[in-house]
């Protein structure tokens, strides 16, 4: 589940398009290894606090990505001296990030074309 924030108000919860959460996680990890909660914070930070991913959706996605071999985790110590699993992209994960980023760009182009269509163009 994803929350969109509009100013000081929180908009309704939105279901992500299939694969979008995976793409956001892969992108966040591509910027440097992070533990689970750090990935959530990075996505929030990059979005300017406009996106908030619920942990109930996030952690199953992390496990799925690890199972698919797109990310791998290694146990270490977090900044507050707690044991945490730090994730990084695998070579397969980097390729998947590129594929999904290209797919997302094409999809947004198509949706943008549809939303800006005028009667004269049809």
PDB file of N, CA and C in Angstrom:
ATOM      1  N   UNK A   1       0.840  -1.172   0.000  1.00  0.00           N
ATOM      2  CA  UNK A   1       0.000   0.000   0.000  1.00  0.00           C
ATOM      3  C   UNK A   1       0.890   1.241   0.000  1.00  0.00           C
ATOM      4  N   UNK A   2       0.507   2.230  -0.754  1.00  0.00           N
ATOM      5  CA  UNK A   2       1.282   3.455  -0.905  1.00  0.00           C
ATOM      6  C   UNK A   2       0.393   4.626  -0.522  1.00  0.00           C
ATOM      7  N   UNK A   3       0.933   5.566   0.217  1.00  0.00           N
ATOM      8  CA  UNK A   3       0.194   6.774   0.561  1.00  0.00           C
ATOM      9  C   UNK A   3       0.814   7.952  -0.181  1.00  0.00           C
ATOM     10  N   UNK A   4      -0.029   8.778  -0.778  1.00  0.00           N
ATOM     11  CA  UNK A   4       0.421  10.018  -1.403  1.00  0.00           C
ATOM     12  C   UNK A   4       0.121  11.154  -0.445  1.00  0.00           C
ATOM     13  N   UNK A   5       1.088  12.004  -0.216  1.00  0.00           N
ATOM     14  CA  UNK A   5       0.900  13.162   0.661  1.00  0.00           C
ATOM     15  C   UNK A   5       0.767  14.413  -0.200  1.00  0.00           C
ATOM     16  N   UNK A   6      -0.230  15.209   0.098  1.00  0.00           N
ATOM     17  CA  UNK A   6      -0.432  16.476  -0.602  1.00  0.00           C
ATOM     18  C   UNK A   6      -0.360  17.597   0.427  1.00  0.00           C
ATOM     19  N   UNK A   7       0.765  18.269   0.480  1.00  0.00           N
ATOM     20  CA  UNK A   7       0.942  19.313   1.486  1.00  0.00           C
ATOM     21  C   UNK A   7       0.883  18.698   2.865  1.00  0.00           C
ATOM     22  N   UNK A   8       0.045  19.278   3.740  1.00  0.00           N
ATOM     23  CA  UNK A   8      -0.098  18.760   5.095  1.00  0.00           C
ATOM     24  C   UNK A   8      -1.161  17.669   5.185  1.00  0.00           C
ATOM     25  N   UNK A   9      -1.904  17.445   4.096  1.00  0.00           N
ATOM     26  CA  UNK A   9      -2.956  16.433   4.098  1.00  0.00           C
ATOM     27  C   UNK A   9      -2.423  15.132   3.503  1.00  0.00           C
ATOM     28  N   UNK A  10      -3.002  14.058   3.926  1.00  0.00           N
ATOM     29  CA  UNK A  10      -2.639  12.767   3.356  1.00  0.00           C
ATOM     30  C   UNK A  10      -3.767  12.344   2.429  1.00  0.00           C
ATOM     31  N   UNK A  11      -3.436  12.040   1.196  1.00  0.00           N
ATOM     32  CA  UNK A  11      -4.431  11.557   0.257  1.00  0.00           C
ATOM     33  C   UNK A  11      -4.745  10.100   0.562  1.00  0.00           C
ATOM     34  N   UNK A  12      -5.688   9.566  -0.153  1.00  0.00           N
ATOM     35  CA  UNK A  12      -6.088   8.186   0.091  1.00  0.00           C
ATOM     36  C   UNK A  12      -4.990   7.202  -0.280  1.00  0.00           C
ATOM     37  N   UNK A  13      -5.104   6.020   0.248  1.00  0.00           N
ATOM     38  CA  UNK A  13      -4.171   4.949  -0.076  1.00  0.00           C
ATOM     39  C   UNK A  13      -4.384   4.556  -1.525  1.00  0.00           C
ATOM     40  N   UNK A  14      -3.288   4.200  -2.173  1.00  0.00           N
ATOM     41  CA  UNK A  14      -3.340   3.863  -3.588  1.00  0.00           C
ATOM     42  C   UNK A  14      -2.651   2.517  -3.790  1.00  0.00           C
ATOM     43  N   UNK A  15      -3.279   1.647  -4.545  1.00  0.00           N
ATOM     44  CA  UNK A  15      -2.626   0.399  -4.923  1.00  0.00           C
ATOM     45  C   UNK A  15      -1.642   0.702  -6.032  1.00  0.00           C
ATOM     46  N   UNK A  16      -0.437   0.202  -5.900  1.00  0.00           N
ATOM     47  CA  UNK A  16       0.590   0.410  -6.910  1.00  0.00           C
ATOM     48  C   UNK A  16       0.343  -0.472  -8.113  1.00  0.00           C
ATOM     49  N   UNK A  17       0.720   0.003  -9.285  1.00  0.00           N
ATOM     50  CA  UNK A  17       0.731  -0.853 -10.456  1.00  0.00           C
ATOM     51  C   UNK A  17       1.677  -2.007 -10.174  1.00  0.00           C
ATOM     52  N   UNK A  18       1.363  -3.164 -10.707  1.00  0.00           N
ATOM     53  CA  UNK A  18       2.208  -4.327 -10.471  1.00  0.00           C
ATOM     54  C   UNK A  18       3.654  -4.008 -10.845  1.00  0.00           C
ATOM     55  N   UNK A  19       4.565  -4.293  -9.939  1.00  0.00           N
ATOM     56  CA  UNK A  19       5.985  -4.080 -10.192  1.00  0.00           C
ATOM     57  C   UNK A  19       6.512  -2.724  -9.762  1.00  0.00           C
ATOM     58  N   UNK A  20       5.642  -1.764  -9.459  1.00  0.00           N
ATOM     59  CA  UNK A  20       6.104  -0.420  -9.111  1.00  0.00           C
ATOM     60  C   UNK A  20       6.871  -0.405  -7.797  1.00  0.00           C
ATOM     61  N   UNK A  21       6.377  -1.100  -6.797  1.00  0.00           N
ATOM     62  CA  UNK A  21       7.071  -1.143  -5.514  1.00  0.00           C
ATOM     63  C   UNK A  21       8.446  -1.779  -5.690  1.00  0.00           C
ATOM     64  N   UNK A  22       8.510  -2.848  -6.472  1.00  0.00           N
ATOM     65  CA  UNK A  22       9.804  -3.482  -6.735  1.00  0.00           C
ATOM     66  C   UNK A  22      10.759  -2.486  -7.374  1.00  0.00           C
ATOM     67  N   UNK A  23      10.271  -1.723  -8.334  1.00  0.00           N
ATOM     68  CA  UNK A  23      11.099  -0.730  -9.022  1.00  0.00           C
ATOM     69  C   UNK A  23      11.608   0.324  -8.042  1.00  0.00           C
ATOM     70  N   UNK A  24      10.750   0.813  -7.172  1.00  0.00           N
ATOM     71  CA  UNK A  24      11.158   1.822  -6.192  1.00  0.00           C
ATOM     72  C   UNK A  24      12.226   1.272  -5.249  1.00  0.00           C
ATOM     73  N   UNK A  25      12.057   0.035  -4.819  1.00  0.00           N
ATOM     74  CA  UNK A  25      13.029  -0.583  -3.919  1.00  0.00           C
ATOM     75  C   UNK A  25      14.360  -0.785  -4.628  1.00  0.00           C
ATOM     76  N   UNK A  26      14.325  -1.314  -5.851  1.00  0.00           N
ATOM     77  CA  UNK A  26      15.562  -1.519  -6.605  1.00  0.00           C
ATOM     78  C   UNK A  26      16.299  -0.202  -6.808  1.00  0.00           C
ATOM     79  N   UNK A  27      15.569   0.858  -7.141  1.00  0.00           N
ATOM     80  CA  UNK A  27      16.200   2.165  -7.350  1.00  0.00           C
ATOM     81  C   UNK A  27      16.838   2.669  -6.062  1.00  0.00           C
ATOM     82  N   UNK A  28      16.125   2.568  -4.961  1.00  0.00           N
ATOM     83  CA  UNK A  28      16.661   3.044  -3.680  1.00  0.00           C
ATOM     84  C   UNK A  28      17.945   2.309  -3.326  1.00  0.00           C
ATOM     85  N   UNK A  29      17.960   0.999  -3.515  1.00  0.00           N
ATOM     86  CA  UNK A  29      19.143   0.206  -3.184  1.00  0.00           C
ATOM     87  C   UNK A  29      20.281   0.486  -4.164  1.00  0.00           C
ATOM     88  N   UNK A  30      19.941   0.841  -5.396  1.00  0.00           N
ATOM     89  CA  UNK A  30      20.982   1.125  -6.393  1.00  0.00           C
ATOM     90  C   UNK A  30      21.843   2.317  -5.995  1.00  0.00           C
ATOM     91  N   UNK A  31      21.330   3.148  -5.119  1.00  0.00           N
ATOM     92  CA  UNK A  31      22.060   4.337  -4.667  1.00  0.00           C
ATOM     93  C   UNK A  31      23.030   4.029  -3.532  1.00  0.00           C
ATOM     94  N   UNK A  32      23.006   2.794  -3.068  1.00  0.00           N
ATOM     95  CA  UNK A  32      23.913   2.365  -1.999  1.00  0.00           C
ATOM     96  C   UNK A  32      23.226   1.377  -1.091  1.00  0.00           C
ATOM     97  N   UNK A  33      23.980   0.460  -0.483  1.00  0.00           N
ATOM     98  CA  UNK A  33      23.401  -0.566   0.389  1.00  0.00           C
ATOM     99  C   UNK A  33      22.658   0.061   1.562  1.00  0.00           C
ATOM    100  N   UNK A  34      21.535  -0.537   1.918  1.00  0.00           N
ATOM    101  CA  UNK A  34      20.712  -0.061   3.028  1.00  0.00           C
ATOM    102  C   UNK A  34      20.042  -1.227   3.725  1.00  0.00           C
ATOM    103  N   UNK A  35      19.718  -1.026   4.994  1.00  0.00           N
ATOM    104  CA  UNK A  35      18.882  -2.002   5.686  1.00  0.00           C
ATOM    105  C   UNK A  35      17.426  -1.684   5.346  1.00  0.00           C
ATOM    106  N   UNK A  36      16.541  -2.619   5.684  1.00  0.00           N
ATOM    107  CA  UNK A  36      15.141  -2.499   5.290  1.00  0.00           C
ATOM    108  C   UNK A  36      14.506  -1.159   5.588  1.00  0.00           C
ATOM    109  N   UNK A  37      14.552  -0.744   6.841  1.00  0.00           N
ATOM    110  CA  UNK A  37      13.910   0.518   7.205  1.00  0.00           C
ATOM    111  C   UNK A  37      14.582   1.695   6.499  1.00  0.00           C
ATOM    112  N   UNK A  38      15.885   1.603   6.270  1.00  0.00           N
ATOM    113  CA  UNK A  38      16.601   2.646   5.543  1.00  0.00           C
ATOM    114  C   UNK A  38      16.104   2.783   4.114  1.00  0.00           C
ATOM    115  N   UNK A  39      15.707   1.658   3.498  1.00  0.00           N
ATOM    116  CA  UNK A  39      15.157   1.705   2.140  1.00  0.00           C
ATOM    117  C   UNK A  39      13.844   2.484   2.148  1.00  0.00           C
ATOM    118  N   UNK A  40      13.000   2.192   3.120  1.00  0.00           N
ATOM    119  CA  UNK A  40      11.736   2.938   3.257  1.00  0.00           C
ATOM    120  C   UNK A  40      11.995   4.435   3.388  1.00  0.00           C
ATOM    121  N   UNK A  41      12.943   4.783   4.252  1.00  0.00           N
ATOM    122  CA  UNK A  41      13.257   6.195   4.474  1.00  0.00           C
ATOM    123  C   UNK A  41      13.824   6.850   3.217  1.00  0.00           C
ATOM    124  N   UNK A  42      14.663   6.108   2.476  1.00  0.00           N
ATOM    125  CA  UNK A  42      15.256   6.656   1.254  1.00  0.00           C
ATOM    126  C   UNK A  42      14.171   6.957   0.216  1.00  0.00           C
ATOM    127  N   UNK A  43      13.223   6.057   0.059  1.00  0.00           N
ATOM    128  CA  UNK A  43      12.127   6.289  -0.895  1.00  0.00           C
ATOM    129  C   UNK A  43      11.329   7.513  -0.479  1.00  0.00           C
ATOM    130  N   UNK A  44      11.040   7.627   0.809  1.00  0.00           N
ATOM    131  CA  UNK A  44      10.324   8.803   1.312  1.00  0.00           C
ATOM    132  C   UNK A  44      11.127  10.069   1.044  1.00  0.00           C
ATOM    133  N   UNK A  45      12.419  10.024   1.319  1.00  0.00           N
ATOM    134  CA  UNK A  45      13.291  11.192   1.143  1.00  0.00           C
ATOM    135  C   UNK A  45      13.338  11.615  -0.321  1.00  0.00           C
ATOM    136  N   UNK A  46      13.581  10.654  -1.223  1.00  0.00           N
ATOM    137  CA  UNK A  46      13.673  10.974  -2.648  1.00  0.00           C
ATOM    138  C   UNK A  46      12.361  11.552  -3.158  1.00  0.00           C
ATOM    139  N   UNK A  47      11.246  11.063  -2.631  1.00  0.00           N
ATOM    140  CA  UNK A  47       9.938  11.552  -3.081  1.00  0.00           C
ATOM    141  C   UNK A  47       9.572  12.889  -2.455  1.00  0.00           C
ATOM    142  N   UNK A  48      10.452  13.430  -1.632  1.00  0.00           N
ATOM    143  CA  UNK A  48      10.132  14.679  -0.942  1.00  0.00           C
ATOM    144  C   UNK A  48       9.009  14.479   0.061  1.00  0.00           C
ATOM    145  N   UNK A  49       8.978  13.308   0.674  1.00  0.00           N
ATOM    146  CA  UNK A  49       7.956  12.920   1.652  1.00  0.00           C
ATOM    147  C   UNK A  49       6.550  12.872   1.056  1.00  0.00           C
ATOM    148  N   UNK A  50       6.459  12.718  -0.262  1.00  0.00           N
ATOM    149  CA  UNK A  50       5.140  12.590  -0.896  1.00  0.00           C
ATOM    150  C   UNK A  50       4.675  11.154  -0.979  1.00  0.00           C
ATOM    151  N   UNK A  51       5.594  10.201  -0.845  1.00  0.00           N
ATOM    152  CA  UNK A  51       5.241   8.782  -0.871  1.00  0.00           C
ATOM    153  C   UNK A  51       5.589   8.140   0.458  1.00  0.00           C
ATOM    154  N   UNK A  52       4.711   7.292   0.898  1.00  0.00           N
ATOM    155  CA  UNK A  52       4.957   6.519   2.108  1.00  0.00           C
ATOM    156  C   UNK A  52       4.489   5.098   1.853  1.00  0.00           C
ATOM    157  N   UNK A  53       5.379   4.157   1.993  1.00  0.00           N
ATOM    158  CA  UNK A  53       5.059   2.755   1.751  1.00  0.00           C
ATOM    159  C   UNK A  53       4.786   2.083   3.085  1.00  0.00           C
ATOM    160  N   UNK A  54       3.695   1.388   3.141  1.00  0.00           N
ATOM    161  CA  UNK A  54       3.322   0.678   4.361  1.00  0.00           C
ATOM    162  C   UNK A  54       4.213  -0.556   4.536  1.00  0.00           C
ATOM    163  N   UNK A  55       4.645  -0.799   5.756  1.00  0.00           N
ATOM    164  CA  UNK A  55       5.553  -1.916   6.033  1.00  0.00           C
ATOM    165  C   UNK A  55       4.940  -3.261   5.664  1.00  0.00           C
ATOM    166  N   UNK A  56       3.621  -3.382   5.745  1.00  0.00           N
ATOM    167  CA  UNK A  56       2.949  -4.627   5.405  1.00  0.00           C
ATOM    168  C   UNK A  56       3.075  -4.987   3.929  1.00  0.00           C
ATOM    169  N   UNK A  57       3.316  -4.018   3.086  1.00  0.00           N
ATOM    170  CA  UNK A  57       3.560  -4.266   1.660  1.00  0.00           C
ATOM    171  C   UNK A  57       5.051  -4.338   1.379  1.00  0.00           C
ATOM    172  N   UNK A  58       5.807  -3.548   2.118  1.00  0.00           N
ATOM    173  CA  UNK A  58       7.232  -3.391   1.846  1.00  0.00           C
ATOM    174  C   UNK A  58       8.049  -4.653   2.140  1.00  0.00           C
ATOM    175  N   UNK A  59       7.916  -5.197   3.335  1.00  0.00           N
ATOM    176  CA  UNK A  59       8.778  -6.317   3.710  1.00  0.00           C
ATOM    177  C   UNK A  59       8.529  -7.569   2.868  1.00  0.00           C
ATOM    178  N   UNK A  60       7.287  -7.905   2.525  1.00  0.00           N
ATOM    179  CA  UNK A  60       7.108  -9.030   1.592  1.00  0.00           C
ATOM    180  C   UNK A  60       7.788  -8.771   0.236  1.00  0.00           C
ATOM    181  N   UNK A  61       7.809  -7.521  -0.215  1.00  0.00           N
ATOM    182  CA  UNK A  61       8.486  -7.192  -1.480  1.00  0.00           C
ATOM    183  C   UNK A  61       9.990  -7.411  -1.353  1.00  0.00           C
ATOM    184  N   UNK A  62      10.566  -7.020  -0.228  1.00  0.00           N
ATOM    185  CA  UNK A  62      12.002  -7.239   0.006  1.00  0.00           C
ATOM    186  C   UNK A  62      12.332  -8.729  -0.062  1.00  0.00           C
ATOM    187  N   UNK A  63      11.528  -9.541   0.622  1.00  0.00           N
ATOM    188  CA  UNK A  63      11.771 -10.978   0.617  1.00  0.00           C
ATOM    189  C   UNK A  63      11.617 -11.552  -0.795  1.00  0.00           C
ATOM    190  N   UNK A  64      10.633 -11.059  -1.541  1.00  0.00           N
ATOM    191  CA  UNK A  64      10.415 -11.520  -2.907  1.00  0.00           C
ATOM    192  C   UNK A  64      11.606 -11.183  -3.801  1.00  0.00           C
ATOM    193  N   UNK A  65      12.105  -9.943  -3.686  1.00  0.00           N
ATOM    194  CA  UNK A  65      13.249  -9.514  -4.492  1.00  0.00           C
ATOM    195  C   UNK A  65      14.494 -10.322  -4.150  1.00  0.00           C
ATOM    196  N   UNK A  66      14.662 -10.629  -2.880  1.00  0.00           N
ATOM    197  CA  UNK A  66      15.809 -11.437  -2.465  1.00  0.00           C
ATOM    198  C   UNK A  66      15.665 -12.867  -3.011  1.00  0.00           C
ATOM    199  N   UNK A  67      14.463 -13.404  -2.935  1.00  0.00           N
ATOM    200  CA  UNK A  67      14.211 -14.755  -3.442  1.00  0.00           C
ATOM    201  C   UNK A  67      14.436 -14.836  -4.962  1.00  0.00           C
ATOM    202  N   UNK A  68      14.116 -13.761  -5.674  1.00  0.00           N
ATOM    203  CA  UNK A  68      14.315 -13.727  -7.127  1.00  0.00           C
ATOM    204  C   UNK A  68      15.780 -13.519  -7.509  1.00  0.00           C
ATOM    205  N   UNK A  69      16.603 -13.192  -6.526  1.00  0.00           N
ATOM    206  CA  UNK A  69      18.022 -12.991  -6.786  1.00  0.00           C
ATOM    207  C   UNK A  69      18.366 -11.601  -7.289  1.00  0.00           C
ATOM    208  N   UNK A  70      17.453 -10.650  -7.147  1.00  0.00           N
ATOM    209  CA  UNK A  70      17.691  -9.279  -7.606  1.00  0.00           C
ATOM    210  C   UNK A  70      18.430  -8.454  -6.564  1.00  0.00           C
ATOM    211  N   UNK A  71      18.274  -8.836  -5.301  1.00  0.00           N
ATOM    212  CA  UNK A  71      19.012  -8.192  -4.214  1.00  0.00           C
ATOM    213  C   UNK A  71      19.573  -9.293  -3.328  1.00  0.00           C
ATOM    214  N   UNK A  72      20.609  -8.949  -2.569  1.00  0.00           N
ATOM    215  CA  UNK A  72      21.099  -9.884  -1.564  1.00  0.00           C
ATOM    216  C   UNK A  72      21.405  -9.104  -0.304  1.00  0.00           C
ATOM    217  N   UNK A  73      21.201  -9.782   0.803  1.00  0.00           N
ATOM    218  CA  UNK A  73      21.397  -9.138   2.084  1.00  0.00           C
ATOM    219  C   UNK A  73      22.567  -9.725   2.836  1.00  0.00           C
ATOM    220  N   UNK A  74      23.146  -8.870   3.646  1.00  0.00           N
ATOM    221  CA  UNK A  74      24.261  -9.280   4.501  1.00  0.00           C
ATOM    222  C   UNK A  74      24.038  -8.632   5.870  1.00  0.00           C
ATOM    223  N   UNK A  75      24.194  -9.439   6.906  1.00  0.00           N
ATOM    224  CA  UNK A  75      23.980  -8.937   8.249  1.00  0.00           C
ATOM    225  C   UNK A  75      25.105  -7.993   8.662  1.00  0.00           C
ATOM    226  N   UNK A  76      24.719  -6.922   9.308  1.00  0.00           N
ATOM    227  CA  UNK A  76      25.675  -5.947   9.810  1.00  0.00           C
ATOM    228  C   UNK A  76      25.060  -5.172  10.954  1.00  0.00           C
ATOM    229  N   UNK A  77      25.698  -4.067  11.301  1.00  0.00           N
ATOM    230  CA  UNK A  77      25.225  -3.237  12.398  1.00  0.00           C
ATOM    231  C   UNK A  77      24.699  -1.923  11.856  1.00  0.00           C
ATOM    232  N   UNK A  78      23.508  -1.542  12.310  1.00  0.00           N
ATOM    233  CA  UNK A  78      22.918  -0.280  11.868  1.00  0.00           C
ATOM    234  C   UNK A  78      23.574   0.889  12.598  1.00  0.00           C
ATOM    235  N   UNK A  79      23.174   2.086  12.205  1.00  0.00           N
ATOM    236  CA  UNK A  79      23.746   3.295  12.804  1.00  0.00           C
ATOM    237  C   UNK A  79      23.446   3.414  14.298  1.00  0.00           C
ATOM    238  N   UNK A  80      22.414   2.702  14.777  1.00  0.00           N
ATOM    239  CA  UNK A  80      22.116   2.720  16.212  1.00  0.00           C
ATOM    240  C   UNK A  80      22.568   1.427  16.899  1.00  0.00           C
ATOM    241  N   UNK A  81      23.601   0.781  16.297  1.00  0.00           N
ATOM    242  CA  UNK A  81      24.256  -0.403  16.864  1.00  0.00           C
ATOM    243  C   UNK A  81      23.339  -1.612  17.032  1.00  0.00           C
ATOM    244  N   UNK A  82      22.358  -1.736  16.151  1.00  0.00           N
ATOM    245  CA  UNK A  82      21.494  -2.908  16.166  1.00  0.00           C
ATOM    246  C   UNK A  82      21.819  -3.789  14.971  1.00  0.00           C
ATOM    247  N   UNK A  83      21.585  -5.077  15.139  1.00  0.00           N
ATOM    248  CA  UNK A  83      21.806  -6.022  14.052  1.00  0.00           C
ATOM    249  C   UNK A  83      20.758  -5.748  12.963  1.00  0.00           C
ATOM    250  N   UNK A  84      21.213  -5.622  11.718  1.00  0.00           N
ATOM    251  CA  UNK A  84      20.307  -5.330  10.604  1.00  0.00           C
ATOM    252  C   UNK A  84      20.841  -5.991   9.345  1.00  0.00           C
ATOM    253  N   UNK A  85      19.943  -6.318   8.452  1.00  0.00           N
ATOM    254  CA  UNK A  85      20.324  -6.911   7.178  1.00  0.00           C
ATOM    255  C   UNK A  85      20.411  -5.786   6.145  1.00  0.00           C
ATOM    256  N   UNK A  86      21.598  -5.643   5.559  1.00  0.00           N
ATOM    257  CA  UNK A  86      21.834  -4.605   4.561  1.00  0.00           C
ATOM    258  C   UNK A  86      21.735  -5.218   3.175  1.00  0.00           C
ATOM    259  N   UNK A  87      20.960  -4.579   2.306  1.00  0.00           N
ATOM    260  CA  UNK A  87      20.700  -5.108   0.977  1.00  0.00           C
ATOM    261  C   UNK A  87      21.478  -4.337  -0.081  1.00  0.00           C
ATOM    262  N   UNK A  88      21.883  -5.074  -1.114  1.00  0.00           N
ATOM    263  CA  UNK A  88      22.516  -4.460  -2.270  1.00  0.00           C
ATOM    264  C   UNK A  88      22.001  -5.165  -3.511  1.00  0.00           C
ATOM    265  N   UNK A  89      22.112  -4.484  -4.657  1.00  0.00           N
ATOM    266  CA  UNK A  89      21.677  -5.075  -5.920  1.00  0.00           C
ATOM    267  C   UNK A  89      22.676  -6.134  -6.372  1.00  0.00           C
ATOM    268  N   UNK A  90      22.169  -7.175  -6.975  1.00  0.00           N
ATOM    269  CA  UNK A  90      23.015  -8.153  -7.646  1.00  0.00           C
ATOM    270  C   UNK A  90      23.138  -7.712  -9.107  1.00  0.00           C
ATOM    271  N   UNK A  91      23.965  -8.394  -9.870  1.00  0.00           N
ATOM    272  CA  UNK A  91      24.073  -8.083 -11.307  1.00  0.00           C
ATOM    273  C   UNK A  91      22.712  -8.256 -11.979  1.00  0.00           C
ATOM    274  N   UNK A  92      21.999  -9.307 -11.602  1.00  0.00           N
ATOM    275  CA  UNK A  92      20.659  -9.534 -12.147  1.00  0.00           C
ATOM    276  C   UNK A  92      19.721  -8.400 -11.744  1.00  0.00           C
ATOM    277  N   UNK A  93      19.857  -7.928 -10.519  1.00  0.00           N
ATOM    278  CA  UNK A  93      19.033  -6.825 -10.036  1.00  0.00           C
ATOM    279  C   UNK A  93      19.297  -5.536 -10.799  1.00  0.00           C
ATOM    280  N   UNK A  94      20.563  -5.283 -11.139  1.00  0.00           N
ATOM    281  CA  UNK A  94      20.889  -4.081 -11.927  1.00  0.00           C
ATOM    282  C   UNK A  94      20.243  -4.164 -13.310  1.00  0.00           C
ATOM    283  N   UNK A  95      20.288  -5.338 -13.917  1.00  0.00           N
ATOM    284  CA  UNK A  95      19.647  -5.518 -15.229  1.00  0.00           C
ATOM    285  C   UNK A  95      18.133  -5.349 -15.114  1.00  0.00           C
ATOM    286  N   UNK A  96      17.567  -5.890 -14.051  1.00  0.00           N
ATOM    287  CA  UNK A  96      16.121  -5.771 -13.839  1.00  0.00           C
ATOM    288  C   UNK A  96      15.728  -4.318 -13.618  1.00  0.00           C
ATOM    289  N   UNK A  97      16.527  -3.582 -12.872  1.00  0.00           N
ATOM    290  CA  UNK A  97      16.252  -2.159 -12.654  1.00  0.00           C
ATOM    291  C   UNK A  97      16.224  -1.418 -13.981  1.00  0.00           C
ATOM    292  N   UNK A  98      17.172  -1.686 -14.848  1.00  0.00           N
ATOM    293  CA  UNK A  98      17.204  -1.035 -16.164  1.00  0.00           C
ATOM    294  C   UNK A  98      15.975  -1.404 -16.975  1.00  0.00           C
ATOM    295  N   UNK A  99      15.654  -2.697 -17.010  1.00  0.00           N
ATOM    296  CA  UNK A  99      14.474  -3.164 -17.757  1.00  0.00           C
ATOM    297  C   UNK A  99      13.203  -2.507 -17.241  1.00  0.00           C
ATOM    298  N   UNK A 100      13.020  -2.510 -15.921  1.00  0.00           N
ATOM    299  CA  UNK A 100      11.805  -1.944 -15.331  1.00  0.00           C
ATOM    300  C   UNK A 100      11.743  -0.423 -15.487  1.00  0.00           C
ATOM    301  N   UNK A 101      12.893   0.243 -15.418  1.00  0.00           N
ATOM    302  CA  UNK A 101      12.923   1.693 -15.614  1.00  0.00           C
ATOM    303  C   UNK A 101      12.507   2.034 -17.044  1.00  0.00           C
ATOM    304  N   UNK A 102      13.031   1.292 -18.021  1.00  0.00           N
ATOM    305  CA  UNK A 102      12.648   1.499 -19.420  1.00  0.00           C
ATOM    306  C   UNK A 102      11.157   1.242 -19.620  1.00  0.00           C
ATOM    307  N   UNK A 103      10.663   0.162 -19.033  1.00  0.00           N
ATOM    308  CA  UNK A 103       9.240  -0.182 -19.142  1.00  0.00           C
ATOM    309  C   UNK A 103       8.369   0.919 -18.523  1.00  0.00           C
ATOM    310  N   UNK A 104       8.786   1.423 -17.360  1.00  0.00           N
ATOM    311  CA  UNK A 104       8.032   2.483 -16.682  1.00  0.00           C
ATOM    312  C   UNK A 104       7.990   3.748 -17.550  1.00  0.00           C
ATOM    313  N   UNK A 105       9.116   4.113 -18.141  1.00  0.00           N
ATOM    314  CA  UNK A 105       9.167   5.306 -19.000  1.00  0.00           C
ATOM    315  C   UNK A 105       8.223   5.156 -20.192  1.00  0.00           C
ATOM    316  N   UNK A 106       8.202   3.989 -20.811  1.00  0.00           N
ATOM    317  CA  UNK A 106       7.283   3.752 -21.936  1.00  0.00           C
ATOM    318  C   UNK A 106       5.834   3.839 -21.490  1.00  0.00           C
ATOM    319  N   UNK A 107       5.538   3.250 -20.338  1.00  0.00           N
ATOM    320  CA  UNK A 107       4.170   3.276 -19.828  1.00  0.00           C
ATOM    321  C   UNK A 107       3.717   4.698 -19.515  1.00  0.00           C
ATOM    322  N   UNK A 108       4.573   5.487 -18.901  1.00  0.00           N
ATOM    323  CA  UNK A 108       4.176   6.862 -18.585  1.00  0.00           C
ATOM    324  C   UNK A 108       3.986   7.684 -19.857  1.00  0.00           C
ATOM    325  N   UNK A 109       4.772   7.396 -20.901  1.00  0.00           N
ATOM    326  CA  UNK A 109       4.568   8.069 -22.188  1.00  0.00           C
ATOM    327  C   UNK A 109       3.193   7.736 -22.760  1.00  0.00           C
ATOM    328  N   UNK A 110       2.832   6.465 -22.728  1.00  0.00           N
ATOM    329  CA  UNK A 110       1.535   6.037 -23.264  1.00  0.00           C
ATOM    330  C   UNK A 110       0.398   6.670 -22.478  1.00  0.00           C
ATOM    331  N   UNK A 111       0.460   6.600 -21.151  1.00  0.00           N
ATOM    332  CA  UNK A 111      -0.600   7.171 -20.321  1.00  0.00           C
ATOM    333  C   UNK A 111      -0.662   8.685 -20.531  1.00  0.00           C
ATOM    334  N   UNK A 112       0.494   9.335 -20.610  1.00  0.00           N
ATOM    335  CA  UNK A 112       0.517  10.778 -20.876  1.00  0.00           C
ATOM    336  C   UNK A 112      -0.144  11.117 -22.195  1.00  0.00           C
ATOM    337  N   UNK A 113       0.131  10.339 -23.231  1.00  0.00           N
ATOM    338  CA  UNK A 113      -0.510  10.569 -24.537  1.00  0.00           C
ATOM    339  C   UNK A 113      -2.022  10.418 -24.444  1.00  0.00           C
ATOM    340  N   UNK A 114      -2.465   9.402 -23.723  1.00  0.00           N
ATOM    341  CA  UNK A 114      -3.908   9.191 -23.568  1.00  0.00           C
ATOM    342  C   UNK A 114      -4.553  10.358 -22.826  1.00  0.00           C
ATOM    343  N   UNK A 115      -3.912  10.810 -21.742  1.00  0.00           N
ATOM    344  CA  UNK A 115      -4.494  11.868 -20.917  1.00  0.00           C
ATOM    345  C   UNK A 115      -4.496  13.231 -21.609  1.00  0.00           C
ATOM    346  N   UNK A 116      -3.617  13.429 -22.579  1.00  0.00           N
ATOM    347  CA  UNK A 116      -3.570  14.721 -23.263  1.00  0.00           C
ATOM    348  C   UNK A 116      -4.268  14.698 -24.626  1.00  0.00           C
ATOM    349  N   UNK A 117      -4.879  13.564 -24.962  1.00  0.00           N
ATOM    350  CA  UNK A 117      -5.568  13.443 -26.254  1.00  0.00           C
ATOM    351  C   UNK A 117      -6.739  14.419 -26.336  1.00  0.00           C
ATOM    352  N   UNK A 118      -6.936  14.946 -27.506  1.00  0.00           N
ATOM    353  CA  UNK A 118      -8.055  15.848 -27.769  1.00  0.00           C
ATOM    354  C   UNK A 118      -8.958  15.200 -28.820  1.00  0.00           C
ATOM    355  N   UNK A 119     -10.218  15.653 -28.901  1.00  0.00           N
ATOM    356  CA  UNK A 119     -11.127  15.073 -29.896  1.00  0.00           C
ATOM    357  C   UNK A 119     -10.586  15.193 -31.341  1.00  0.00           C
ATOM    358  N   UNK A 120      -9.852  16.234 -31.595  1.00  0.00           N
ATOM    359  CA  UNK A 120      -9.322  16.449 -32.946  1.00  0.00           C
ATOM    360  C   UNK A 120      -8.286  15.392 -33.332  1.00  0.00           C
ATOM    361  N   UNK A 121      -7.621  14.815 -32.357  1.00  0.00           N
ATOM    362  CA  UNK A 121      -6.571  13.845 -32.620  1.00  0.00           C
ATOM    363  C   UNK A 121      -7.109  12.436 -32.853  1.00  0.00           C
ATOM    364  N   UNK A 122      -8.356  12.237 -32.549  1.00  0.00           N
ATOM    365  CA  UNK A 122      -8.908  10.881 -32.636  1.00  0.00           C
ATOM    366  C   UNK A 122      -9.451  10.607 -34.022  1.00  0.00           C
TER     367      UNK A 122
END
